[in-house]
Amino acid sequence: MSRISVRGFAVASATAVTTVGAVVGVASGNTQPAGDNLEAAAADTTLLADIPLGEQAQVQVSSLSQQADAQAAAADASAKKSAEESARLQAAKTAEAKKEAAVEKAEREREAKERASRDAVRSASSFSTQASYTVAEVKAMARQMVPADQFQCFSNIVNHESTWNYRAQNPSSGAYGLVQALPGSKMSSAGADWQTNPATQIKWGLNYMDSRYGSPCGAWSFWQANHWY
């Protein structure tokens, strides 16, 4: 049924009812105009058919389209969030890899520097033998034999142990020399002239600190905590 036919039917029905009422009203002495009743009946008549079938379909399609748009927007937002999280994790991994590479590079450079320092160190045999040596001469020998970054630690220990006296001897324990080897004869592994050659004593002391504590600075750290090494 079309919108016109339905409304026409409703209007016709209302007209008929109103007409009958008017007749009855006249018969009963009620003189209210029939036109008012007709207008009110027409205004109160609202039917589903007032929305054409084509428009009803359009409303349904529009609702489904809105739902689809909302779902697509939600999917896009989820995908964007996932992509951002993936990018963040990748950036963190990249930063960590760069940090590790920088640490490894710094370690390689440090090792290269230490090797260069060791290569520049003179051996004990490169010094000419003298009848005696001053403190300044002994320190100069040590500077040429001990790696530069370890010299201060080595010097600190020797200062406390012998005040750079290569003939220093502890009367109670028998410890001897710059580094107070106990017994002093241990230094013979570095040279038979361990009693009179400070270079031989420096060589032995440096080897001892490296093998036992990793370096003169490692030995100095232990000495500070225990007052012996």
N, C-alpha and C. Protein backbone atom coordinates (compact mmCIF):
# COMPACT_ATOMS: atom_id res chain seq x y z
N MET A 1 0.85 -1.19 0.00
CA MET A 1 0.00 0.00 0.00
C MET A 1 0.88 1.23 0.00
N SER A 2 0.66 2.20 -0.80
CA SER A 2 1.46 3.42 -0.87
C SER A 2 1.07 4.37 0.23
N ARG A 3 2.00 5.37 0.44
CA ARG A 3 1.76 6.36 1.51
C ARG A 3 0.48 7.12 1.23
N ILE A 4 0.18 7.46 -0.03
CA ILE A 4 -1.00 8.26 -0.37
C ILE A 4 -2.26 7.49 -0.06
N SER A 5 -2.29 6.18 -0.46
CA SER A 5 -3.49 5.40 -0.25
C SER A 5 -3.75 5.18 1.22
N VAL A 6 -2.71 4.98 2.01
CA VAL A 6 -2.91 4.77 3.45
C VAL A 6 -3.44 6.02 4.08
N ARG A 7 -2.75 7.17 3.80
CA ARG A 7 -3.21 8.42 4.39
C ARG A 7 -4.62 8.75 3.89
N GLY A 8 -4.89 8.43 2.61
CA GLY A 8 -6.22 8.70 2.08
C GLY A 8 -7.28 7.89 2.79
N PHE A 9 -6.90 6.64 3.08
CA PHE A 9 -7.83 5.79 3.80
C PHE A 9 -8.08 6.32 5.19
N ALA A 10 -7.01 6.76 5.83
CA ALA A 10 -7.16 7.29 7.19
C ALA A 10 -7.98 8.55 7.20
N VAL A 11 -7.72 9.40 6.25
CA VAL A 11 -8.47 10.67 6.18
C VAL A 11 -9.94 10.41 5.87
N ALA A 12 -10.16 9.50 4.92
CA ALA A 12 -11.55 9.16 4.55
C ALA A 12 -12.30 8.61 5.73
N SER A 13 -11.60 7.71 6.49
CA SER A 13 -12.24 7.12 7.66
C SER A 13 -12.57 8.19 8.67
N ALA A 14 -11.57 9.07 8.89
CA ALA A 14 -11.81 10.14 9.86
C ALA A 14 -12.93 11.05 9.42
N THR A 15 -13.03 11.27 8.12
CA THR A 15 -14.09 12.14 7.57
C THR A 15 -15.45 11.51 7.79
N ALA A 16 -15.46 10.19 7.55
CA ALA A 16 -16.74 9.50 7.72
C ALA A 16 -17.20 9.57 9.15
N VAL A 17 -16.26 9.30 10.06
CA VAL A 17 -16.62 9.32 11.48
C VAL A 17 -17.06 10.71 11.88
N THR A 18 -16.36 11.68 11.41
CA THR A 18 -16.68 13.06 11.77
C THR A 18 -18.04 13.49 11.23
N THR A 19 -18.31 13.03 9.99
CA THR A 19 -19.59 13.37 9.37
C THR A 19 -20.74 12.79 10.17
N VAL A 20 -20.57 11.50 10.56
CA VAL A 20 -21.61 10.86 11.36
C VAL A 20 -21.80 11.60 12.66
N GLY A 21 -20.65 11.96 13.25
CA GLY A 21 -20.72 12.68 14.53
C GLY A 21 -21.41 14.01 14.38
N ALA A 22 -21.16 14.65 13.25
CA ALA A 22 -21.78 15.95 13.02
C ALA A 22 -23.29 15.83 12.92
N VAL A 23 -23.69 14.75 12.20
CA VAL A 23 -25.13 14.53 12.05
C VAL A 23 -25.75 14.27 13.41
N VAL A 24 -25.04 13.41 14.16
CA VAL A 24 -25.57 13.10 15.49
C VAL A 24 -25.60 14.34 16.35
N GLY A 25 -24.56 15.13 16.18
CA GLY A 25 -24.48 16.36 16.98
C GLY A 25 -25.59 17.32 16.67
N VAL A 26 -25.92 17.41 15.39
CA VAL A 26 -27.01 18.31 14.99
C VAL A 26 -28.30 17.83 15.57
N ALA A 27 -28.42 16.46 15.51
CA ALA A 27 -29.67 15.88 16.03
C ALA A 27 -29.79 16.10 17.52
N SER A 28 -28.64 16.12 18.20
CA SER A 28 -28.70 16.25 19.65
C SER A 28 -28.58 17.69 20.09
N GLY A 29 -28.41 18.60 19.14
CA GLY A 29 -28.34 20.03 19.49
C GLY A 29 -26.93 20.53 19.61
N ASN A 30 -25.86 19.67 19.32
CA ASN A 30 -24.44 20.09 19.37
C ASN A 30 -24.09 20.71 18.03
N THR A 31 -23.69 21.97 18.04
CA THR A 31 -23.46 22.68 16.80
C THR A 31 -21.99 22.93 16.52
N GLN A 32 -21.03 22.12 17.15
CA GLN A 32 -19.57 22.29 16.92
C GLN A 32 -19.26 22.00 15.47
N PRO A 33 -18.49 22.84 14.80
CA PRO A 33 -18.19 22.65 13.37
C PRO A 33 -17.51 21.31 13.12
N ALA A 34 -17.91 20.68 12.05
CA ALA A 34 -17.34 19.38 11.70
C ALA A 34 -15.92 19.50 11.22
N GLY A 35 -15.56 20.64 10.68
CA GLY A 35 -14.19 20.81 10.13
C GLY A 35 -13.12 20.65 11.19
N ASP A 36 -13.37 21.07 12.42
CA ASP A 36 -12.38 20.93 13.52
C ASP A 36 -12.10 19.48 13.81
N ASN A 37 -13.13 18.66 13.85
CA ASN A 37 -12.95 17.23 14.12
C ASN A 37 -12.16 16.56 13.01
N LEU A 38 -12.42 16.95 11.81
CA LEU A 38 -11.73 16.37 10.66
C LEU A 38 -10.25 16.69 10.70
N GLU A 39 -9.93 17.94 11.06
CA GLU A 39 -8.53 18.37 11.11
C GLU A 39 -7.79 17.65 12.22
N ALA A 40 -8.40 17.50 13.39
CA ALA A 40 -7.76 16.82 14.53
C ALA A 40 -7.52 15.36 14.22
N ALA A 41 -8.47 14.72 13.58
CA ALA A 41 -8.32 13.31 13.24
C ALA A 41 -7.19 13.11 12.26
N ALA A 42 -7.10 14.01 11.31
CA ALA A 42 -6.03 13.89 10.32
C ALA A 42 -4.68 14.11 10.95
N ALA A 43 -4.58 15.04 11.93
CA ALA A 43 -3.30 15.35 12.58
C ALA A 43 -2.83 14.22 13.47
N ASP A 44 -3.77 13.50 14.11
CA ASP A 44 -3.41 12.43 15.03
C ASP A 44 -3.09 11.13 14.32
N THR A 45 -3.24 11.05 13.03
CA THR A 45 -3.07 9.80 12.30
C THR A 45 -1.63 9.69 11.82
N THR A 46 -0.78 8.84 12.49
CA THR A 46 0.62 8.61 12.12
C THR A 46 0.83 7.12 11.95
N LEU A 47 1.15 6.72 10.76
CA LEU A 47 1.30 5.30 10.45
C LEU A 47 2.72 4.97 10.04
N LEU A 48 3.19 3.73 10.25
CA LEU A 48 4.51 3.28 9.81
C LEU A 48 4.68 3.50 8.32
N ALA A 49 3.59 3.40 7.61
CA ALA A 49 3.67 3.55 6.15
C ALA A 49 4.04 4.96 5.75
N ASP A 50 4.00 5.95 6.74
CA ASP A 50 4.42 7.31 6.41
C ASP A 50 5.88 7.35 5.97
N ILE A 51 6.75 6.36 6.40
CA ILE A 51 8.13 6.25 5.93
C ILE A 51 8.12 5.29 4.75
N PRO A 52 8.43 5.76 3.59
CA PRO A 52 8.40 4.90 2.39
C PRO A 52 9.34 3.72 2.55
N LEU A 53 9.05 2.63 1.87
CA LEU A 53 9.86 1.43 1.96
C LEU A 53 11.29 1.68 1.52
N GLY A 54 11.48 2.47 0.51
CA GLY A 54 12.84 2.77 0.02
C GLY A 54 13.66 3.49 1.08
N GLU A 55 13.03 4.42 1.79
CA GLU A 55 13.74 5.16 2.83
C GLU A 55 14.07 4.26 4.03
N GLN A 56 13.14 3.33 4.34
CA GLN A 56 13.43 2.37 5.43
C GLN A 56 14.70 1.57 5.11
N ALA A 57 14.85 1.13 3.88
CA ALA A 57 16.04 0.38 3.47
C ALA A 57 17.29 1.24 3.58
N GLN A 58 17.13 2.52 3.22
CA GLN A 58 18.29 3.43 3.30
C GLN A 58 18.74 3.62 4.75
N VAL A 59 17.79 3.71 5.68
CA VAL A 59 18.11 3.85 7.10
C VAL A 59 18.88 2.63 7.60
N GLN A 60 18.45 1.45 7.21
CA GLN A 60 19.12 0.23 7.62
C GLN A 60 20.54 0.15 7.05
N VAL A 61 20.67 0.51 5.79
CA VAL A 61 21.99 0.49 5.15
C VAL A 61 22.92 1.50 5.82
N SER A 62 22.37 2.68 6.15
CA SER A 62 23.18 3.70 6.82
C SER A 62 23.67 3.22 8.17
N SER A 63 22.83 2.51 8.92
CA SER A 63 23.22 2.00 10.24
C SER A 63 24.34 0.97 10.11
N LEU A 64 24.18 0.06 9.14
CA LEU A 64 25.21 -0.95 8.93
C LEU A 64 26.53 -0.31 8.50
N SER A 65 26.42 0.74 7.67
CA SER A 65 27.62 1.43 7.21
C SER A 65 28.35 2.10 8.36
N GLN A 66 27.59 2.70 9.28
CA GLN A 66 28.19 3.33 10.46
C GLN A 66 28.90 2.29 11.35
N GLN A 67 28.27 1.13 11.52
CA GLN A 67 28.89 0.06 12.30
C GLN A 67 30.20 -0.39 11.65
N ALA A 68 30.17 -0.54 10.33
CA ALA A 68 31.37 -0.98 9.61
C ALA A 68 32.48 0.06 9.74
N ASP A 69 32.09 1.35 9.65
CA ASP A 69 33.09 2.42 9.79
C ASP A 69 33.70 2.41 11.18
N ALA A 70 32.86 2.19 12.21
CA ALA A 70 33.36 2.15 13.58
C ALA A 70 34.32 0.99 13.78
N GLN A 71 33.98 -0.18 13.21
CA GLN A 71 34.85 -1.34 13.32
C GLN A 71 36.17 -1.12 12.59
N ALA A 72 36.09 -0.50 11.43
CA ALA A 72 37.32 -0.21 10.66
C ALA A 72 38.21 0.77 11.41
N ALA A 73 37.59 1.78 12.04
CA ALA A 73 38.36 2.76 12.81
C ALA A 73 39.05 2.10 14.00
N ALA A 74 38.32 1.19 14.67
CA ALA A 74 38.91 0.47 15.80
C ALA A 74 40.07 -0.41 15.35
N ALA A 75 39.89 -1.07 14.20
CA ALA A 75 40.96 -1.92 13.67
C ALA A 75 42.18 -1.08 13.29
N ASP A 76 41.95 0.09 12.70
CA ASP A 76 43.06 0.97 12.34
C ASP A 76 43.81 1.44 13.58
N ALA A 77 43.06 1.80 14.62
CA ALA A 77 43.68 2.26 15.86
C ALA A 77 44.52 1.15 16.50
N SER A 78 43.98 -0.09 16.48
CA SER A 78 44.73 -1.21 17.04
C SER A 78 46.00 -1.49 16.25
N ALA A 79 45.88 -1.42 14.91
CA ALA A 79 47.06 -1.66 14.06
C ALA A 79 48.10 -0.57 14.29
N LYS A 80 47.66 0.67 14.43
CA LYS A 80 48.59 1.79 14.66
C LYS A 80 49.31 1.62 15.99
N LYS A 81 48.55 1.23 17.02
CA LYS A 81 49.15 1.02 18.34
C LYS A 81 50.17 -0.11 18.30
N SER A 82 49.83 -1.20 17.58
CA SER A 82 50.75 -2.33 17.46
C SER A 82 52.02 -1.92 16.71
N ALA A 83 51.85 -1.12 15.65
CA ALA A 83 53.01 -0.67 14.88
C ALA A 83 53.90 0.24 15.73
N GLU A 84 53.29 1.12 16.53
CA GLU A 84 54.06 2.01 17.40
C GLU A 84 54.84 1.22 18.45
N GLU A 85 54.20 0.21 19.01
CA GLU A 85 54.87 -0.62 20.02
C GLU A 85 56.03 -1.38 19.40
N SER A 86 55.80 -1.91 18.18
CA SER A 86 56.87 -2.63 17.49
C SER A 86 58.04 -1.70 17.18
N ALA A 87 57.73 -0.47 16.78
CA ALA A 87 58.79 0.50 16.48
C ALA A 87 59.55 0.86 17.75
N ARG A 88 58.83 0.99 18.86
CA ARG A 88 59.48 1.32 20.13
C ARG A 88 60.44 0.21 20.57
N LEU A 89 60.00 -1.03 20.44
CA LEU A 89 60.85 -2.16 20.81
C LEU A 89 62.08 -2.25 19.91
N GLN A 90 61.87 -2.00 18.63
CA GLN A 90 62.99 -2.05 17.69
C GLN A 90 63.99 -0.94 17.99
N ALA A 91 63.48 0.25 18.34
CA ALA A 91 64.36 1.36 18.68
C ALA A 91 65.16 1.05 19.94
N ALA A 92 64.51 0.39 20.91
CA ALA A 92 65.21 0.02 22.14
C ALA A 92 66.31 -1.00 21.85
N LYS A 93 66.00 -1.98 20.98
CA LYS A 93 67.01 -2.97 20.61
C LYS A 93 68.19 -2.33 19.90
N THR A 94 67.87 -1.40 19.00
CA THR A 94 68.93 -0.71 18.26
C THR A 94 69.82 0.09 19.20
N ALA A 95 69.19 0.80 20.15
CA ALA A 95 69.95 1.59 21.11
C ALA A 95 70.84 0.70 21.97
N GLU A 96 70.31 -0.45 22.39
CA GLU A 96 71.09 -1.38 23.21
C GLU A 96 72.27 -1.94 22.42
N ALA A 97 72.02 -2.26 21.15
CA ALA A 97 73.10 -2.78 20.30
C ALA A 97 74.20 -1.73 20.12
N LYS A 98 73.79 -0.47 19.92
CA LYS A 98 74.77 0.60 19.78
C LYS A 98 75.58 0.79 21.06
N LYS A 99 74.89 0.67 22.20
CA LYS A 99 75.56 0.82 23.49
C LYS A 99 76.59 -0.29 23.68
N GLU A 100 76.20 -1.53 23.37
CA GLU A 100 77.13 -2.66 23.49
C GLU A 100 78.32 -2.49 22.55
N ALA A 101 78.04 -2.01 21.34
CA ALA A 101 79.12 -1.80 20.38
C ALA A 101 80.09 -0.73 20.88
N ALA A 102 79.54 0.32 21.51
CA ALA A 102 80.39 1.39 22.03
C ALA A 102 81.26 0.88 23.18
N VAL A 103 80.66 0.03 24.05
CA VAL A 103 81.41 -0.54 25.17
C VAL A 103 82.54 -1.43 24.66
N GLU A 104 82.21 -2.26 23.66
CA GLU A 104 83.22 -3.15 23.09
C GLU A 104 84.34 -2.36 22.44
N LYS A 105 83.98 -1.28 21.75
CA LYS A 105 84.98 -0.44 21.10
C LYS A 105 85.90 0.19 22.14
N ALA A 106 85.29 0.71 23.22
CA ALA A 106 86.08 1.33 24.29
C ALA A 106 87.02 0.31 24.93
N GLU A 107 86.53 -0.93 25.10
CA GLU A 107 87.36 -1.98 25.69
C GLU A 107 88.52 -2.33 24.77
N ARG A 108 88.24 -2.42 23.47
CA ARG A 108 89.32 -2.71 22.51
C ARG A 108 90.37 -1.60 22.52
N GLU A 109 89.89 -0.36 22.59
CA GLU A 109 90.82 0.77 22.61
C GLU A 109 91.67 0.76 23.88
N ARG A 110 91.02 0.41 25.01
CA ARG A 110 91.76 0.35 26.27
C ARG A 110 92.84 -0.72 26.22
N GLU A 111 92.46 -1.90 25.69
CA GLU A 111 93.42 -3.00 25.58
C GLU A 111 94.57 -2.63 24.64
N ALA A 112 94.23 -1.94 23.54
CA ALA A 112 95.26 -1.52 22.59
C ALA A 112 96.21 -0.53 23.26
N LYS A 113 95.65 0.36 24.07
CA LYS A 113 96.47 1.34 24.77
C LYS A 113 97.40 0.66 25.77
N GLU A 114 96.85 -0.34 26.48
CA GLU A 114 97.68 -1.06 27.44
C GLU A 114 98.80 -1.83 26.74
N ARG A 115 98.46 -2.45 25.59
CA ARG A 115 99.49 -3.17 24.85
C ARG A 115 100.59 -2.22 24.38
N ALA A 116 100.16 -1.06 23.90
CA ALA A 116 101.14 -0.07 23.44
C ALA A 116 102.01 0.39 24.60
N SER A 117 101.38 0.54 25.78
CA SER A 117 102.14 0.97 26.95
C SER A 117 103.13 -0.10 27.36
N ARG A 118 102.69 -1.37 27.30
CA ARG A 118 103.60 -2.46 27.67
C ARG A 118 104.74 -2.59 26.66
N ASP A 119 104.41 -2.38 25.40
CA ASP A 119 105.44 -2.48 24.38
C ASP A 119 106.52 -1.41 24.54
N ALA A 120 106.07 -0.25 25.09
CA ALA A 120 107.02 0.86 25.26
C ALA A 120 107.88 0.69 26.51
N VAL A 121 107.51 -0.27 27.38
CA VAL A 121 108.25 -0.50 28.63
C VAL A 121 109.60 -1.15 28.34
N ARG A 122 110.59 -0.68 29.00
CA ARG A 122 111.93 -1.26 28.82
C ARG A 122 112.09 -2.46 29.74
N SER A 123 112.88 -3.42 29.32
CA SER A 123 113.16 -4.58 30.15
C SER A 123 114.29 -4.26 31.12
N ALA A 124 114.41 -5.08 32.16
CA ALA A 124 115.44 -4.85 33.18
C ALA A 124 116.84 -4.94 32.59
N SER A 125 117.00 -5.80 31.60
CA SER A 125 118.34 -6.01 31.03
C SER A 125 118.82 -4.84 30.18
N SER A 126 117.88 -3.90 29.88
CA SER A 126 118.27 -2.79 29.02
C SER A 126 119.00 -1.67 29.78
N PHE A 127 119.06 -1.82 31.11
CA PHE A 127 119.76 -0.80 31.92
C PHE A 127 121.18 -1.28 32.24
N SER A 128 122.09 -0.34 32.16
CA SER A 128 123.48 -0.69 32.50
C SER A 128 123.62 -0.85 34.00
N THR A 129 124.44 -1.79 34.39
CA THR A 129 124.64 -2.06 35.81
C THR A 129 125.55 -0.99 36.43
N GLN A 130 125.17 -0.56 37.64
CA GLN A 130 125.95 0.44 38.36
C GLN A 130 126.30 -0.10 39.75
N ALA A 131 127.26 0.52 40.35
CA ALA A 131 127.65 0.11 41.70
C ALA A 131 126.58 0.51 42.72
N SER A 132 125.95 1.63 42.48
CA SER A 132 124.88 2.08 43.36
C SER A 132 123.92 2.98 42.57
N TYR A 133 122.74 3.21 43.17
CA TYR A 133 121.71 3.98 42.47
C TYR A 133 121.05 4.94 43.47
N THR A 134 120.79 6.14 43.01
CA THR A 134 120.06 7.10 43.83
C THR A 134 118.57 6.81 43.73
N VAL A 135 117.80 7.41 44.64
CA VAL A 135 116.34 7.23 44.60
C VAL A 135 115.79 7.76 43.27
N ALA A 136 116.30 8.89 42.83
CA ALA A 136 115.84 9.46 41.56
C ALA A 136 116.11 8.51 40.39
N GLU A 137 117.26 7.87 40.41
CA GLU A 137 117.60 6.95 39.33
C GLU A 137 116.71 5.70 39.37
N VAL A 138 116.44 5.23 40.58
CA VAL A 138 115.57 4.05 40.71
C VAL A 138 114.15 4.38 40.22
N LYS A 139 113.65 5.55 40.60
CA LYS A 139 112.30 5.96 40.14
C LYS A 139 112.27 6.10 38.62
N ALA A 140 113.35 6.64 38.05
CA ALA A 140 113.41 6.80 36.60
C ALA A 140 113.37 5.44 35.92
N MET A 141 114.03 4.46 36.49
CA MET A 141 114.00 3.11 35.94
C MET A 141 112.58 2.53 36.01
N ALA A 142 111.95 2.76 37.15
CA ALA A 142 110.59 2.23 37.33
C ALA A 142 109.62 2.85 36.33
N ARG A 143 109.77 4.15 36.07
CA ARG A 143 108.89 4.83 35.12
C ARG A 143 109.01 4.23 33.72
N GLN A 144 110.18 3.72 33.41
CA GLN A 144 110.41 3.15 32.09
C GLN A 144 110.02 1.67 32.01
N MET A 145 109.82 1.05 33.16
CA MET A 145 109.47 -0.37 33.18
C MET A 145 108.00 -0.64 33.50
N VAL A 146 107.40 0.26 34.27
CA VAL A 146 106.00 0.07 34.68
C VAL A 146 105.10 0.83 33.71
N PRO A 147 103.99 0.22 33.24
CA PRO A 147 103.05 0.93 32.36
C PRO A 147 102.63 2.26 32.98
N ALA A 148 102.52 3.28 32.16
CA ALA A 148 102.26 4.63 32.65
C ALA A 148 101.01 4.72 33.53
N ASP A 149 99.94 4.00 33.13
CA ASP A 149 98.70 4.10 33.91
C ASP A 149 98.76 3.30 35.21
N GLN A 150 99.85 2.56 35.45
CA GLN A 150 100.00 1.77 36.67
C GLN A 150 101.13 2.29 37.56
N PHE A 151 101.87 3.26 37.06
CA PHE A 151 103.06 3.69 37.80
C PHE A 151 102.72 4.26 39.17
N GLN A 152 101.71 5.10 39.27
CA GLN A 152 101.40 5.72 40.55
C GLN A 152 101.06 4.69 41.61
N CYS A 153 100.31 3.68 41.23
CA CYS A 153 99.95 2.61 42.18
C CYS A 153 101.22 1.85 42.61
N PHE A 154 102.06 1.54 41.62
CA PHE A 154 103.32 0.85 41.93
C PHE A 154 104.16 1.71 42.88
N SER A 155 104.24 3.01 42.58
CA SER A 155 105.02 3.93 43.41
C SER A 155 104.47 4.01 44.84
N ASN A 156 103.15 4.01 44.97
CA ASN A 156 102.54 4.07 46.31
C ASN A 156 102.99 2.88 47.17
N ILE A 157 102.98 1.69 46.57
CA ILE A 157 103.37 0.49 47.31
C ILE A 157 104.85 0.55 47.71
N VAL A 158 105.70 0.92 46.73
CA VAL A 158 107.14 0.99 47.03
C VAL A 158 107.43 2.05 48.10
N ASN A 159 106.72 3.17 48.04
CA ASN A 159 106.90 4.20 49.08
C ASN A 159 106.64 3.64 50.46
N HIS A 160 105.55 2.88 50.59
CA HIS A 160 105.19 2.32 51.90
C HIS A 160 106.11 1.17 52.30
N GLU A 161 106.56 0.38 51.35
CA GLU A 161 107.35 -0.82 51.67
C GLU A 161 108.82 -0.52 51.93
N SER A 162 109.40 0.40 51.14
CA SER A 162 110.86 0.58 51.26
C SER A 162 111.34 2.02 51.08
N THR A 163 110.43 2.95 50.85
CA THR A 163 110.78 4.34 50.51
C THR A 163 111.83 4.41 49.40
N TRP A 164 111.68 3.51 48.42
CA TRP A 164 112.53 3.44 47.22
C TRP A 164 114.00 3.09 47.53
N ASN A 165 114.19 2.38 48.63
CA ASN A 165 115.55 1.90 48.98
C ASN A 165 115.67 0.46 48.51
N TYR A 166 116.44 0.25 47.43
CA TYR A 166 116.52 -1.09 46.86
C TYR A 166 117.34 -2.06 47.73
N ARG A 167 117.98 -1.53 48.78
CA ARG A 167 118.71 -2.41 49.71
C ARG A 167 117.99 -2.54 51.06
N ALA A 168 116.74 -2.06 51.13
CA ALA A 168 115.99 -2.11 52.39
C ALA A 168 115.75 -3.56 52.80
N GLN A 169 115.92 -3.82 54.11
CA GLN A 169 115.73 -5.18 54.63
C GLN A 169 115.01 -5.11 55.97
N ASN A 170 113.97 -5.92 56.10
CA ASN A 170 113.22 -5.98 57.36
C ASN A 170 113.95 -6.93 58.30
N PRO A 171 114.46 -6.41 59.44
CA PRO A 171 115.27 -7.25 60.33
C PRO A 171 114.51 -8.40 60.98
N SER A 172 113.21 -8.24 61.12
CA SER A 172 112.44 -9.30 61.79
C SER A 172 111.94 -10.37 60.83
N SER A 173 111.50 -9.96 59.64
CA SER A 173 110.93 -10.94 58.70
C SER A 173 111.92 -11.36 57.62
N GLY A 174 112.88 -10.51 57.33
CA GLY A 174 113.83 -10.83 56.27
C GLY A 174 113.38 -10.35 54.90
N ALA A 175 112.24 -9.66 54.82
CA ALA A 175 111.78 -9.12 53.54
C ALA A 175 112.84 -8.17 53.00
N TYR A 176 112.97 -8.17 51.66
CA TYR A 176 114.11 -7.42 51.10
C TYR A 176 113.71 -6.64 49.84
N GLY A 177 114.39 -5.52 49.65
CA GLY A 177 114.32 -4.77 48.41
C GLY A 177 113.18 -3.76 48.32
N LEU A 178 113.03 -3.21 47.12
CA LEU A 178 112.03 -2.17 46.87
C LEU A 178 110.61 -2.61 47.23
N VAL A 179 110.28 -3.83 46.85
CA VAL A 179 108.91 -4.30 47.06
C VAL A 179 108.81 -5.24 48.27
N GLN A 180 109.94 -5.37 49.03
CA GLN A 180 109.97 -6.20 50.24
C GLN A 180 109.49 -7.63 49.96
N ALA A 181 110.16 -8.27 49.02
CA ALA A 181 109.87 -9.68 48.73
C ALA A 181 110.23 -10.52 49.95
N LEU A 182 109.39 -11.52 50.24
CA LEU A 182 109.63 -12.37 51.42
C LEU A 182 109.54 -13.84 51.02
N PRO A 183 110.64 -14.56 51.09
CA PRO A 183 111.99 -14.02 51.34
C PRO A 183 112.52 -13.30 50.11
N GLY A 184 113.57 -12.53 50.28
CA GLY A 184 114.13 -11.77 49.18
C GLY A 184 114.63 -12.63 48.04
N SER A 185 115.00 -13.86 48.36
CA SER A 185 115.55 -14.76 47.33
C SER A 185 114.53 -15.12 46.26
N LYS A 186 113.24 -14.84 46.52
CA LYS A 186 112.22 -15.07 45.48
C LYS A 186 112.56 -14.30 44.22
N MET A 187 113.19 -13.15 44.39
CA MET A 187 113.45 -12.29 43.24
C MET A 187 114.52 -12.84 42.30
N SER A 188 115.14 -13.93 42.70
CA SER A 188 116.16 -14.55 41.84
C SER A 188 115.55 -15.06 40.54
N SER A 189 114.22 -15.27 40.55
CA SER A 189 113.55 -15.71 39.32
C SER A 189 113.60 -14.63 38.24
N ALA A 190 113.83 -13.38 38.66
CA ALA A 190 113.92 -12.28 37.71
C ALA A 190 115.36 -11.95 37.34
N GLY A 191 116.31 -12.46 38.13
CA GLY A 191 117.72 -12.18 37.83
C GLY A 191 118.59 -12.51 39.03
N ALA A 192 119.79 -12.98 38.72
CA ALA A 192 120.71 -13.37 39.81
C ALA A 192 121.21 -12.16 40.60
N ASP A 193 121.10 -10.99 40.01
CA ASP A 193 121.58 -9.78 40.70
C ASP A 193 120.48 -9.07 41.49
N TRP A 194 119.51 -9.81 41.97
CA TRP A 194 118.34 -9.25 42.66
C TRP A 194 118.71 -8.42 43.89
N GLN A 195 119.85 -8.71 44.53
CA GLN A 195 120.21 -7.98 45.74
C GLN A 195 120.76 -6.57 45.44
N THR A 196 121.32 -6.39 44.26
CA THR A 196 122.01 -5.13 43.97
C THR A 196 121.45 -4.36 42.77
N ASN A 197 120.56 -4.95 42.05
CA ASN A 197 120.04 -4.29 40.84
C ASN A 197 118.57 -3.93 41.02
N PRO A 198 118.26 -2.64 41.14
CA PRO A 198 116.84 -2.24 41.32
C PRO A 198 115.97 -2.61 40.12
N ALA A 199 116.55 -2.65 38.93
CA ALA A 199 115.77 -3.03 37.75
C ALA A 199 115.25 -4.46 37.88
N THR A 200 116.08 -5.35 38.40
CA THR A 200 115.67 -6.74 38.62
C THR A 200 114.56 -6.81 39.65
N GLN A 201 114.66 -6.01 40.70
CA GLN A 201 113.63 -5.98 41.74
C GLN A 201 112.30 -5.42 41.20
N ILE A 202 112.41 -4.38 40.37
CA ILE A 202 111.20 -3.79 39.76
C ILE A 202 110.53 -4.81 38.86
N LYS A 203 111.33 -5.53 38.08
CA LYS A 203 110.79 -6.55 37.18
C LYS A 203 110.04 -7.62 37.98
N TRP A 204 110.66 -8.08 39.05
CA TRP A 204 110.00 -9.14 39.85
C TRP A 204 108.74 -8.60 40.52
N GLY A 205 108.83 -7.41 41.09
CA GLY A 205 107.67 -6.82 41.77
C GLY A 205 106.49 -6.61 40.84
N LEU A 206 106.78 -6.14 39.62
CA LEU A 206 105.72 -5.92 38.65
C LEU A 206 105.06 -7.23 38.25
N ASN A 207 105.87 -8.25 38.01
CA ASN A 207 105.31 -9.57 37.66
C ASN A 207 104.45 -10.13 38.80
N TYR A 208 104.92 -9.93 40.04
CA TYR A 208 104.18 -10.43 41.20
C TYR A 208 102.81 -9.74 41.31
N MET A 209 102.79 -8.42 41.16
CA MET A 209 101.53 -7.67 41.27
C MET A 209 100.56 -8.05 40.15
N ASP A 210 101.10 -8.24 38.95
CA ASP A 210 100.24 -8.61 37.82
C ASP A 210 99.64 -10.00 38.00
N SER A 211 100.45 -10.94 38.43
CA SER A 211 99.99 -12.33 38.55
C SER A 211 99.04 -12.52 39.73
N ARG A 212 99.29 -11.83 40.83
CA ARG A 212 98.47 -12.03 42.04
C ARG A 212 97.24 -11.13 42.09
N TYR A 213 97.36 -9.87 41.63
CA TYR A 213 96.28 -8.89 41.76
C TYR A 213 95.79 -8.32 40.42
N GLY A 214 96.38 -8.77 39.34
CA GLY A 214 95.95 -8.29 38.03
C GLY A 214 96.70 -7.08 37.53
N SER A 215 97.21 -6.29 38.45
CA SER A 215 97.95 -5.07 38.08
C SER A 215 98.47 -4.42 39.37
N PRO A 216 99.40 -3.48 39.25
CA PRO A 216 99.84 -2.74 40.43
C PRO A 216 98.70 -2.00 41.12
N CYS A 217 97.75 -1.50 40.34
CA CYS A 217 96.61 -0.80 40.96
C CYS A 217 95.72 -1.77 41.73
N GLY A 218 95.61 -3.00 41.22
CA GLY A 218 94.88 -4.01 41.97
C GLY A 218 95.59 -4.33 43.27
N ALA A 219 96.93 -4.40 43.22
CA ALA A 219 97.72 -4.66 44.43
C ALA A 219 97.60 -3.50 45.41
N TRP A 220 97.58 -2.27 44.88
CA TRP A 220 97.47 -1.10 45.74
C TRP A 220 96.11 -1.06 46.44
N SER A 221 95.05 -1.43 45.75
CA SER A 221 93.72 -1.48 46.37
C SER A 221 93.72 -2.47 47.54
N PHE A 222 94.34 -3.63 47.32
CA PHE A 222 94.43 -4.64 48.39
C PHE A 222 95.28 -4.10 49.54
N TRP A 223 96.38 -3.44 49.22
CA TRP A 223 97.27 -2.91 50.26
C TRP A 223 96.53 -1.90 51.12
N GLN A 224 95.76 -1.05 50.51
CA GLN A 224 95.01 -0.03 51.27
C GLN A 224 94.05 -0.65 52.26
N ALA A 225 93.47 -1.79 51.88
CA ALA A 225 92.50 -2.45 52.76
C ALA A 225 93.17 -3.28 53.84
N ASN A 226 94.42 -3.79 53.59
CA ASN A 226 95.06 -4.72 54.50
C ASN A 226 96.41 -4.29 55.03
N HIS A 227 96.99 -3.27 54.41
CA HIS A 227 98.34 -2.78 54.77
C HIS A 227 99.42 -3.83 54.54
N TRP A 228 99.17 -4.71 53.65
CA TRP A 228 100.18 -5.63 53.12
C TRP A 228 99.62 -6.15 51.80
N TYR A 229 100.46 -6.83 51.03
CA TYR A 229 99.98 -7.33 49.74
C TYR A 229 100.73 -8.61 49.38
